[in-house]
């Protein structure tokens, strides 16, 4: 026998090991869900009803009210930037009120945007069964429009016209 004949059985073992490794790794990752609509619940009532920080914007408004008060106090202690307005005059009061009201409105808009972003947080699950079970158990904690990623496929939580709570592919 030549030297080539001795190495052929080793090639067969190597090919078998590679085939086994590829077969085992293919079973190891989650199957991607179909891109179809999944019914989470036949009733969408109660979605997003859990009380949490900032629910209803009250947290943002309280925070911004405090910021407005601090703005006014700081403005009132200083000489107005408009030189024609005397310090601690009626015009100074109007000036500070207007300046700080603008700051308040800007603050409320920023806080509301942050709350909207928090409400639309992304949830990730390894498979559809886990996602459906979690969503059913935590329906009050999620907001409509929440992005739900299942095994790499993105869905959004919406209400169908019949009142069903569904996961719809994005």
N, C-alpha and C. Protein backbone atom coordinates (compact mmCIF):
# COMPACT_ATOMS: atom_id res chain seq x y z
N UNK A 1 0.83 -1.17 0.00
CA UNK A 1 0.00 0.00 0.00
C UNK A 1 0.87 1.24 0.00
N UNK A 2 0.38 2.21 -0.72
CA UNK A 2 1.12 3.45 -0.79
C UNK A 2 0.77 4.36 0.40
N UNK A 3 1.53 5.41 0.58
CA UNK A 3 1.29 6.33 1.69
C UNK A 3 -0.07 7.02 1.59
N UNK A 4 -0.61 7.16 0.36
CA UNK A 4 -1.91 7.82 0.20
C UNK A 4 -3.03 6.98 0.77
N UNK A 5 -2.93 5.68 0.72
CA UNK A 5 -4.00 4.79 1.17
C UNK A 5 -4.16 4.84 2.68
N UNK A 6 -3.09 5.07 3.41
CA UNK A 6 -3.17 5.11 4.87
C UNK A 6 -3.96 6.32 5.37
N UNK A 7 -3.95 7.43 4.67
CA UNK A 7 -4.59 8.66 5.13
C UNK A 7 -6.06 8.74 4.75
N UNK A 8 -6.54 7.93 3.87
CA UNK A 8 -7.94 7.97 3.44
C UNK A 8 -8.89 7.68 4.59
N UNK A 9 -8.66 6.66 5.46
CA UNK A 9 -9.58 6.44 6.57
C UNK A 9 -9.66 7.64 7.51
N UNK A 10 -8.58 8.36 7.68
CA UNK A 10 -8.61 9.55 8.53
C UNK A 10 -9.49 10.64 7.92
N UNK A 11 -9.51 10.72 6.61
CA UNK A 11 -10.37 11.70 5.95
C UNK A 11 -11.84 11.37 6.20
N UNK A 12 -12.17 10.10 6.22
CA UNK A 12 -13.56 9.69 6.48
C UNK A 12 -13.98 10.05 7.90
N UNK A 13 -13.10 9.85 8.87
CA UNK A 13 -13.39 10.19 10.27
C UNK A 13 -13.53 11.70 10.40
N UNK A 14 -12.66 12.46 9.74
CA UNK A 14 -12.72 13.91 9.80
C UNK A 14 -14.03 14.42 9.19
N UNK A 15 -14.42 13.84 8.06
CA UNK A 15 -15.67 14.25 7.42
C UNK A 15 -16.85 13.93 8.31
N UNK A 16 -16.83 12.78 8.98
CA UNK A 16 -17.91 12.40 9.89
C UNK A 16 -17.99 13.36 11.07
N UNK A 17 -16.84 13.74 11.63
CA UNK A 17 -16.82 14.68 12.75
C UNK A 17 -17.35 16.06 12.33
N UNK A 18 -16.98 16.51 11.15
CA UNK A 18 -17.47 17.80 10.65
C UNK A 18 -18.98 17.74 10.45
N UNK A 19 -19.48 16.67 9.89
CA UNK A 19 -20.92 16.52 9.66
C UNK A 19 -21.68 16.52 10.99
N UNK A 20 -21.14 15.81 11.98
CA UNK A 20 -21.79 15.79 13.30
C UNK A 20 -21.78 17.17 13.95
N UNK A 21 -20.68 17.88 13.83
CA UNK A 21 -20.58 19.21 14.43
C UNK A 21 -21.57 20.17 13.77
N UNK A 22 -21.68 20.12 12.46
CA UNK A 22 -22.63 20.99 11.76
C UNK A 22 -24.07 20.64 12.12
N UNK A 23 -24.36 19.35 12.22
CA UNK A 23 -25.71 18.92 12.59
C UNK A 23 -26.07 19.35 13.99
N UNK A 24 -25.14 19.25 14.92
CA UNK A 24 -25.39 19.63 16.31
C UNK A 24 -25.56 21.14 16.43
N UNK A 25 -24.78 21.91 15.71
CA UNK A 25 -24.89 23.37 15.82
C UNK A 25 -26.18 23.87 15.18
N UNK A 26 -26.70 23.19 14.18
CA UNK A 26 -27.94 23.61 13.54
C UNK A 26 -29.11 23.47 14.50
N UNK A 27 -29.06 22.53 15.41
CA UNK A 27 -30.15 22.34 16.36
C UNK A 27 -30.03 23.30 17.53
N UNK A 28 -28.89 23.94 17.68
CA UNK A 28 -28.63 24.75 18.85
C UNK A 28 -29.23 26.14 18.82
N UNK A 29 -29.64 26.66 17.68
CA UNK A 29 -30.19 28.01 17.70
C UNK A 29 -31.69 28.00 17.43
N UNK A 30 -32.35 29.03 17.96
CA UNK A 30 -33.80 29.11 17.93
C UNK A 30 -34.31 29.28 16.50
N UNK A 31 -35.46 28.69 16.24
CA UNK A 31 -36.08 28.87 14.94
C UNK A 31 -36.74 30.24 14.90
N UNK A 32 -36.61 30.90 13.78
CA UNK A 32 -37.22 32.21 13.61
C UNK A 32 -38.73 32.02 13.45
N UNK A 33 -39.51 32.86 14.11
CA UNK A 33 -40.97 32.75 13.97
C UNK A 33 -41.41 33.22 12.59
N UNK A 34 -42.56 32.74 12.17
CA UNK A 34 -43.11 33.18 10.89
C UNK A 34 -43.49 34.65 10.99
N UNK A 35 -43.38 35.35 9.88
CA UNK A 35 -43.76 36.76 9.85
C UNK A 35 -45.27 36.84 9.62
N UNK A 36 -46.02 36.54 10.67
CA UNK A 36 -47.48 36.62 10.61
C UNK A 36 -47.96 37.28 11.89
N UNK A 37 -49.25 37.53 11.97
CA UNK A 37 -49.83 38.16 13.15
C UNK A 37 -50.16 37.08 14.18
N UNK A 38 -49.80 37.34 15.44
CA UNK A 38 -50.06 36.42 16.55
C UNK A 38 -51.03 37.08 17.52
N UNK A 39 -52.07 36.36 17.94
CA UNK A 39 -53.02 36.90 18.90
C UNK A 39 -52.48 36.66 20.31
N UNK A 40 -52.24 37.74 21.04
CA UNK A 40 -51.75 37.67 22.41
C UNK A 40 -52.94 37.46 23.35
N UNK A 41 -54.02 38.22 23.11
CA UNK A 41 -55.20 38.15 23.97
C UNK A 41 -56.42 38.52 23.15
N UNK A 42 -57.56 37.93 23.48
CA UNK A 42 -58.79 38.26 22.77
C UNK A 42 -59.41 39.55 23.30
N UNK A 43 -58.79 40.12 24.33
CA UNK A 43 -59.29 41.36 24.91
C UNK A 43 -58.10 42.27 25.22
N UNK A 44 -58.07 43.43 24.62
CA UNK A 44 -56.95 44.36 24.81
C UNK A 44 -57.13 45.24 26.05
N UNK A 45 -58.25 45.09 26.76
CA UNK A 45 -58.45 45.89 27.96
C UNK A 45 -57.36 45.61 28.98
N UNK A 46 -56.88 46.66 29.61
CA UNK A 46 -55.86 46.50 30.65
C UNK A 46 -54.44 46.70 30.16
N UNK A 47 -54.25 46.86 28.85
CA UNK A 47 -52.89 47.06 28.34
C UNK A 47 -52.38 48.42 28.82
N UNK A 48 -51.20 48.40 29.40
CA UNK A 48 -50.55 49.64 29.83
C UNK A 48 -51.21 50.32 31.02
N UNK A 49 -51.96 49.58 31.82
CA UNK A 49 -52.65 50.21 32.95
C UNK A 49 -51.86 50.19 34.24
N UNK A 50 -50.73 49.49 34.27
CA UNK A 50 -49.94 49.43 35.51
C UNK A 50 -49.43 50.81 35.85
N UNK A 51 -49.51 51.16 37.12
CA UNK A 51 -48.99 52.45 37.57
C UNK A 51 -47.48 52.38 37.60
N UNK A 52 -46.85 53.33 36.99
CA UNK A 52 -45.39 53.36 36.98
C UNK A 52 -44.93 54.79 37.03
N UNK A 53 -43.61 54.99 37.08
CA UNK A 53 -43.10 56.35 37.15
C UNK A 53 -43.50 57.14 35.92
N UNK A 54 -44.03 58.32 36.15
CA UNK A 54 -44.38 59.19 35.03
C UNK A 54 -45.69 58.87 34.37
N UNK A 55 -46.47 57.92 34.87
CA UNK A 55 -47.72 57.55 34.23
C UNK A 55 -48.62 58.77 34.16
N UNK A 56 -49.11 59.05 32.97
CA UNK A 56 -50.02 60.16 32.79
C UNK A 56 -49.33 61.51 32.76
N UNK A 57 -48.04 61.57 32.79
CA UNK A 57 -47.32 62.83 32.69
C UNK A 57 -47.21 63.58 34.01
N UNK A 58 -47.80 63.08 35.09
CA UNK A 58 -47.78 63.80 36.37
C UNK A 58 -46.37 63.97 36.91
N UNK A 59 -45.52 62.98 36.73
CA UNK A 59 -44.15 63.08 37.20
C UNK A 59 -43.39 64.17 36.46
N UNK A 60 -43.60 64.25 35.17
CA UNK A 60 -42.93 65.25 34.35
C UNK A 60 -43.39 66.65 34.76
N UNK A 61 -44.67 66.82 34.98
CA UNK A 61 -45.19 68.15 35.32
C UNK A 61 -44.68 68.61 36.68
N UNK A 62 -44.66 67.70 37.65
CA UNK A 62 -44.16 68.06 38.99
C UNK A 62 -42.68 68.45 38.92
N UNK A 63 -41.91 67.68 38.18
CA UNK A 63 -40.48 67.99 38.01
C UNK A 63 -40.31 69.36 37.35
N UNK A 64 -41.06 69.60 36.30
CA UNK A 64 -40.92 70.86 35.57
C UNK A 64 -41.45 72.05 36.38
N UNK A 65 -42.48 71.83 37.21
CA UNK A 65 -42.95 72.90 38.10
C UNK A 65 -41.84 73.33 39.04
N UNK A 66 -41.13 72.36 39.58
CA UNK A 66 -40.02 72.68 40.49
C UNK A 66 -38.92 73.43 39.75
N UNK A 67 -38.63 72.99 38.53
CA UNK A 67 -37.61 73.68 37.72
C UNK A 67 -38.04 75.12 37.43
N UNK A 68 -39.34 75.33 37.19
CA UNK A 68 -39.85 76.68 36.92
C UNK A 68 -39.70 77.58 38.16
N UNK A 69 -40.00 77.03 39.33
CA UNK A 69 -39.85 77.80 40.57
C UNK A 69 -38.39 78.22 40.78
N UNK A 70 -37.48 77.29 40.56
CA UNK A 70 -36.05 77.60 40.72
C UNK A 70 -35.61 78.64 39.70
N UNK A 71 -36.12 78.52 38.48
CA UNK A 71 -35.80 79.49 37.42
C UNK A 71 -36.26 80.89 37.84
N UNK A 72 -37.48 80.98 38.36
CA UNK A 72 -38.01 82.28 38.74
C UNK A 72 -37.19 82.90 39.87
N UNK A 73 -36.87 82.06 40.88
CA UNK A 73 -36.08 82.58 42.00
C UNK A 73 -34.72 83.09 41.54
N UNK A 74 -34.09 82.35 40.66
CA UNK A 74 -32.79 82.75 40.14
C UNK A 74 -32.91 84.04 39.31
N UNK A 75 -33.94 84.10 38.47
CA UNK A 75 -34.17 85.28 37.63
C UNK A 75 -34.46 86.50 38.50
N UNK A 76 -35.26 86.33 39.53
CA UNK A 76 -35.68 87.45 40.40
C UNK A 76 -34.51 88.02 41.19
N UNK A 77 -33.55 87.15 41.56
CA UNK A 77 -32.38 87.60 42.32
C UNK A 77 -31.41 88.42 41.47
N UNK A 78 -31.46 88.22 40.17
CA UNK A 78 -30.51 88.89 39.28
C UNK A 78 -31.13 90.09 38.58
N UNK A 79 -30.28 90.95 38.14
CA UNK A 79 -30.72 92.10 37.35
C UNK A 79 -31.16 91.57 35.98
N UNK A 80 -32.30 92.04 35.46
CA UNK A 80 -32.78 91.56 34.15
C UNK A 80 -31.77 91.84 33.04
N UNK A 81 -31.72 90.95 32.07
CA UNK A 81 -30.79 91.13 30.94
C UNK A 81 -31.22 92.29 30.04
N UNK A 82 -32.48 92.67 30.12
CA UNK A 82 -32.97 93.83 29.38
C UNK A 82 -32.73 95.04 30.27
N UNK A 83 -31.87 95.94 29.84
CA UNK A 83 -31.42 97.05 30.69
C UNK A 83 -32.53 98.04 31.03
N UNK A 84 -33.60 98.10 30.24
CA UNK A 84 -34.69 99.05 30.51
C UNK A 84 -35.63 98.57 31.62
N UNK A 85 -35.44 97.35 32.10
CA UNK A 85 -36.31 96.80 33.16
C UNK A 85 -35.59 96.95 34.50
N UNK A 86 -36.16 97.72 35.43
CA UNK A 86 -35.55 97.85 36.76
C UNK A 86 -35.71 96.56 37.57
N UNK A 87 -34.69 96.25 38.36
CA UNK A 87 -34.71 95.04 39.21
C UNK A 87 -35.85 95.15 40.22
N UNK A 88 -36.56 94.03 40.41
CA UNK A 88 -37.68 93.87 41.36
C UNK A 88 -38.89 94.75 41.03
N UNK A 89 -39.01 95.16 39.79
CA UNK A 89 -40.18 95.93 39.36
C UNK A 89 -41.26 94.98 38.83
N UNK A 90 -42.41 95.55 38.54
CA UNK A 90 -43.49 94.77 37.93
C UNK A 90 -43.06 94.18 36.59
N UNK A 91 -42.33 94.96 35.83
CA UNK A 91 -41.82 94.47 34.53
C UNK A 91 -40.82 93.33 34.73
N UNK A 92 -40.03 93.40 35.80
CA UNK A 92 -39.08 92.33 36.12
C UNK A 92 -39.85 91.04 36.41
N UNK A 93 -40.95 91.17 37.15
CA UNK A 93 -41.79 90.01 37.46
C UNK A 93 -42.35 89.39 36.18
N UNK A 94 -42.86 90.23 35.30
CA UNK A 94 -43.40 89.76 34.02
C UNK A 94 -42.30 89.09 33.19
N UNK A 95 -41.13 89.71 33.16
CA UNK A 95 -40.00 89.18 32.41
C UNK A 95 -39.63 87.79 32.91
N UNK A 96 -39.47 87.63 34.24
CA UNK A 96 -39.09 86.33 34.82
C UNK A 96 -40.18 85.29 34.61
N UNK A 97 -41.44 85.71 34.76
CA UNK A 97 -42.56 84.79 34.56
C UNK A 97 -42.56 84.26 33.13
N UNK A 98 -42.38 85.15 32.17
CA UNK A 98 -42.39 84.74 30.76
C UNK A 98 -41.18 83.84 30.44
N UNK A 99 -40.01 84.24 30.90
CA UNK A 99 -38.79 83.47 30.66
C UNK A 99 -38.93 82.05 31.23
N UNK A 100 -39.40 81.96 32.46
CA UNK A 100 -39.47 80.66 33.15
C UNK A 100 -40.63 79.82 32.64
N UNK A 101 -41.71 80.45 32.15
CA UNK A 101 -42.81 79.70 31.55
C UNK A 101 -42.33 79.02 30.27
N UNK A 102 -41.52 79.71 29.50
CA UNK A 102 -40.94 79.11 28.29
C UNK A 102 -40.06 77.91 28.66
N UNK A 103 -39.27 78.06 29.71
CA UNK A 103 -38.42 76.96 30.18
C UNK A 103 -39.28 75.78 30.66
N UNK A 104 -40.39 76.10 31.34
CA UNK A 104 -41.31 75.07 31.82
C UNK A 104 -41.88 74.27 30.64
N UNK A 105 -42.36 74.96 29.62
CA UNK A 105 -42.96 74.28 28.45
C UNK A 105 -41.93 73.41 27.74
N UNK A 106 -40.72 73.92 27.62
CA UNK A 106 -39.65 73.14 27.00
C UNK A 106 -39.36 71.89 27.83
N UNK A 107 -39.33 72.04 29.14
CA UNK A 107 -39.09 70.93 30.06
C UNK A 107 -40.18 69.87 29.92
N UNK A 108 -41.44 70.30 29.90
CA UNK A 108 -42.56 69.35 29.80
C UNK A 108 -42.47 68.57 28.49
N UNK A 109 -42.18 69.25 27.39
CA UNK A 109 -42.04 68.58 26.10
C UNK A 109 -40.93 67.54 26.13
N UNK A 110 -39.79 67.89 26.72
CA UNK A 110 -38.66 66.96 26.81
C UNK A 110 -39.01 65.75 27.68
N UNK A 111 -39.67 65.99 28.81
CA UNK A 111 -40.03 64.90 29.72
C UNK A 111 -41.07 63.97 29.08
N UNK A 112 -42.04 64.54 28.38
CA UNK A 112 -43.05 63.73 27.71
C UNK A 112 -42.41 62.86 26.63
N UNK A 113 -41.44 63.40 25.91
CA UNK A 113 -40.75 62.62 24.88
C UNK A 113 -39.98 61.47 25.52
N UNK A 114 -39.33 61.73 26.65
CA UNK A 114 -38.62 60.67 27.36
C UNK A 114 -39.59 59.58 27.83
N UNK A 115 -40.76 59.98 28.31
CA UNK A 115 -41.75 59.00 28.76
C UNK A 115 -42.27 58.18 27.59
N UNK A 116 -42.47 58.82 26.43
CA UNK A 116 -42.91 58.07 25.24
C UNK A 116 -41.85 57.04 24.84
N UNK A 117 -40.59 57.43 24.92
CA UNK A 117 -39.52 56.49 24.58
C UNK A 117 -39.48 55.33 25.56
N UNK A 118 -39.66 55.63 26.85
CA UNK A 118 -39.68 54.57 27.85
C UNK A 118 -40.86 53.63 27.64
N UNK A 119 -42.01 54.19 27.26
CA UNK A 119 -43.21 53.38 27.07
C UNK A 119 -43.04 52.43 25.89
N UNK A 120 -42.26 52.85 24.91
CA UNK A 120 -42.07 52.02 23.72
C UNK A 120 -40.75 51.27 23.78
N UNK A 121 -40.48 50.72 24.94
CA UNK A 121 -39.24 49.98 25.10
C UNK A 121 -39.28 48.70 24.26
N UNK A 122 -38.15 48.16 23.99
CA UNK A 122 -38.04 46.95 23.18
C UNK A 122 -37.91 45.75 24.10
N UNK A 123 -38.73 44.73 23.84
CA UNK A 123 -38.66 43.48 24.58
C UNK A 123 -38.07 42.42 23.67
N UNK A 124 -37.21 41.56 24.23
CA UNK A 124 -36.59 40.51 23.43
C UNK A 124 -36.85 39.15 24.05
N UNK A 125 -37.19 38.17 23.19
CA UNK A 125 -37.47 36.80 23.63
C UNK A 125 -36.81 35.81 22.68
N UNK A 126 -36.44 34.63 23.20
CA UNK A 126 -35.78 33.64 22.34
C UNK A 126 -36.75 32.92 21.41
N UNK A 127 -38.03 32.81 21.79
CA UNK A 127 -39.00 32.12 20.94
C UNK A 127 -40.40 32.69 21.16
N UNK A 128 -41.32 32.36 20.28
CA UNK A 128 -42.66 32.94 20.32
C UNK A 128 -43.44 32.47 21.55
N UNK A 129 -43.27 31.24 21.98
CA UNK A 129 -43.99 30.74 23.15
C UNK A 129 -43.65 31.54 24.40
N UNK A 130 -42.38 31.81 24.60
CA UNK A 130 -41.94 32.61 25.75
C UNK A 130 -42.50 34.02 25.66
N UNK A 131 -42.47 34.59 24.47
CA UNK A 131 -42.98 35.96 24.27
C UNK A 131 -44.46 36.03 24.58
N UNK A 132 -45.24 35.09 24.05
CA UNK A 132 -46.69 35.11 24.25
C UNK A 132 -47.03 34.93 25.73
N UNK A 133 -46.38 34.00 26.40
CA UNK A 133 -46.65 33.79 27.83
C UNK A 133 -46.33 35.03 28.64
N UNK A 134 -45.18 35.65 28.37
CA UNK A 134 -44.79 36.84 29.13
C UNK A 134 -45.77 37.98 28.88
N UNK A 135 -46.14 38.20 27.62
CA UNK A 135 -47.06 39.29 27.29
C UNK A 135 -48.43 39.08 27.92
N UNK A 136 -48.90 37.85 27.96
CA UNK A 136 -50.20 37.58 28.59
C UNK A 136 -50.16 37.85 30.09
N UNK A 137 -49.05 37.49 30.73
CA UNK A 137 -48.93 37.68 32.17
C UNK A 137 -48.64 39.13 32.55
N UNK A 138 -48.05 39.90 31.64
CA UNK A 138 -47.63 41.28 31.95
C UNK A 138 -48.34 42.31 31.06
N UNK A 139 -49.54 42.00 30.64
CA UNK A 139 -50.29 42.85 29.71
C UNK A 139 -50.42 44.28 30.22
N UNK A 140 -50.61 44.45 31.51
CA UNK A 140 -50.79 45.80 32.05
C UNK A 140 -49.50 46.61 32.09
N UNK A 141 -48.36 45.95 31.93
CA UNK A 141 -47.07 46.63 32.03
C UNK A 141 -46.52 47.10 30.69
N UNK A 142 -47.13 46.69 29.59
CA UNK A 142 -46.61 47.07 28.28
C UNK A 142 -47.53 48.10 27.63
N UNK A 143 -46.97 48.90 26.77
CA UNK A 143 -47.75 49.93 26.07
C UNK A 143 -47.98 49.50 24.63
N UNK A 144 -49.07 49.96 24.07
CA UNK A 144 -49.30 49.73 22.65
C UNK A 144 -48.16 50.37 21.88
N UNK A 145 -47.71 49.72 20.84
CA UNK A 145 -46.60 50.23 20.05
C UNK A 145 -45.25 49.69 20.50
N UNK A 146 -45.24 48.93 21.61
CA UNK A 146 -43.99 48.36 22.09
C UNK A 146 -43.42 47.41 21.03
N UNK A 147 -42.11 47.52 20.80
CA UNK A 147 -41.44 46.61 19.87
C UNK A 147 -41.07 45.34 20.62
N UNK A 148 -41.45 44.20 20.04
CA UNK A 148 -41.15 42.90 20.63
C UNK A 148 -40.32 42.13 19.61
N UNK A 149 -39.10 41.76 20.00
CA UNK A 149 -38.21 41.03 19.11
C UNK A 149 -38.20 39.57 19.55
N UNK A 150 -38.58 38.68 18.64
CA UNK A 150 -38.63 37.26 18.93
C UNK A 150 -37.65 36.55 17.99
N UNK A 151 -36.60 35.97 18.56
CA UNK A 151 -35.57 35.26 17.79
C UNK A 151 -35.11 36.10 16.60
N UNK A 152 -34.92 37.41 16.84
CA UNK A 152 -34.40 38.29 15.80
C UNK A 152 -35.43 38.89 14.87
N UNK A 153 -36.71 38.52 15.01
CA UNK A 153 -37.77 39.06 14.16
C UNK A 153 -38.55 40.09 14.97
N UNK A 154 -38.72 41.28 14.41
CA UNK A 154 -39.38 42.38 15.13
C UNK A 154 -40.88 42.39 14.89
N UNK A 155 -41.63 42.58 15.98
CA UNK A 155 -43.08 42.71 15.96
C UNK A 155 -43.42 43.96 16.76
N UNK A 156 -44.66 44.44 16.60
CA UNK A 156 -45.14 45.53 17.44
C UNK A 156 -46.46 45.12 18.05
N UNK A 157 -46.72 45.60 19.26
CA UNK A 157 -47.93 45.26 19.99
C UNK A 157 -49.02 46.26 19.60
N UNK A 158 -50.11 45.76 19.00
CA UNK A 158 -51.19 46.63 18.52
C UNK A 158 -52.54 46.01 18.86
N UNK A 159 -53.60 46.82 18.69
CA UNK A 159 -54.97 46.34 18.87
C UNK A 159 -55.61 46.24 17.50
N UNK A 160 -56.17 45.08 17.21
CA UNK A 160 -56.86 44.87 15.95
C UNK A 160 -58.26 45.48 16.05
N UNK A 161 -58.92 45.75 14.92
CA UNK A 161 -60.25 46.35 14.94
C UNK A 161 -61.27 45.58 15.80
N UNK A 162 -61.13 44.29 15.92
CA UNK A 162 -62.07 43.50 16.72
C UNK A 162 -61.75 43.58 18.22
N UNK A 163 -60.73 44.34 18.59
CA UNK A 163 -60.37 44.47 20.00
C UNK A 163 -59.35 43.46 20.48
N UNK A 164 -58.79 42.70 19.54
CA UNK A 164 -57.77 41.72 19.90
C UNK A 164 -56.43 42.40 20.14
N UNK A 165 -55.69 41.92 21.11
CA UNK A 165 -54.32 42.39 21.32
C UNK A 165 -53.43 41.47 20.51
N UNK A 166 -52.69 42.03 19.56
CA UNK A 166 -51.90 41.19 18.66
C UNK A 166 -50.47 41.66 18.55
N UNK A 167 -49.61 40.72 18.13
CA UNK A 167 -48.24 41.02 17.72
C UNK A 167 -48.24 41.02 16.21
N UNK A 168 -47.88 42.16 15.65
CA UNK A 168 -47.89 42.29 14.20
C UNK A 168 -46.46 42.49 13.72
N UNK A 169 -46.05 41.77 12.67
CA UNK A 169 -44.67 41.93 12.18
C UNK A 169 -44.43 43.34 11.67
N UNK A 170 -43.22 43.80 11.92
CA UNK A 170 -42.85 45.15 11.44
C UNK A 170 -42.26 45.02 10.06
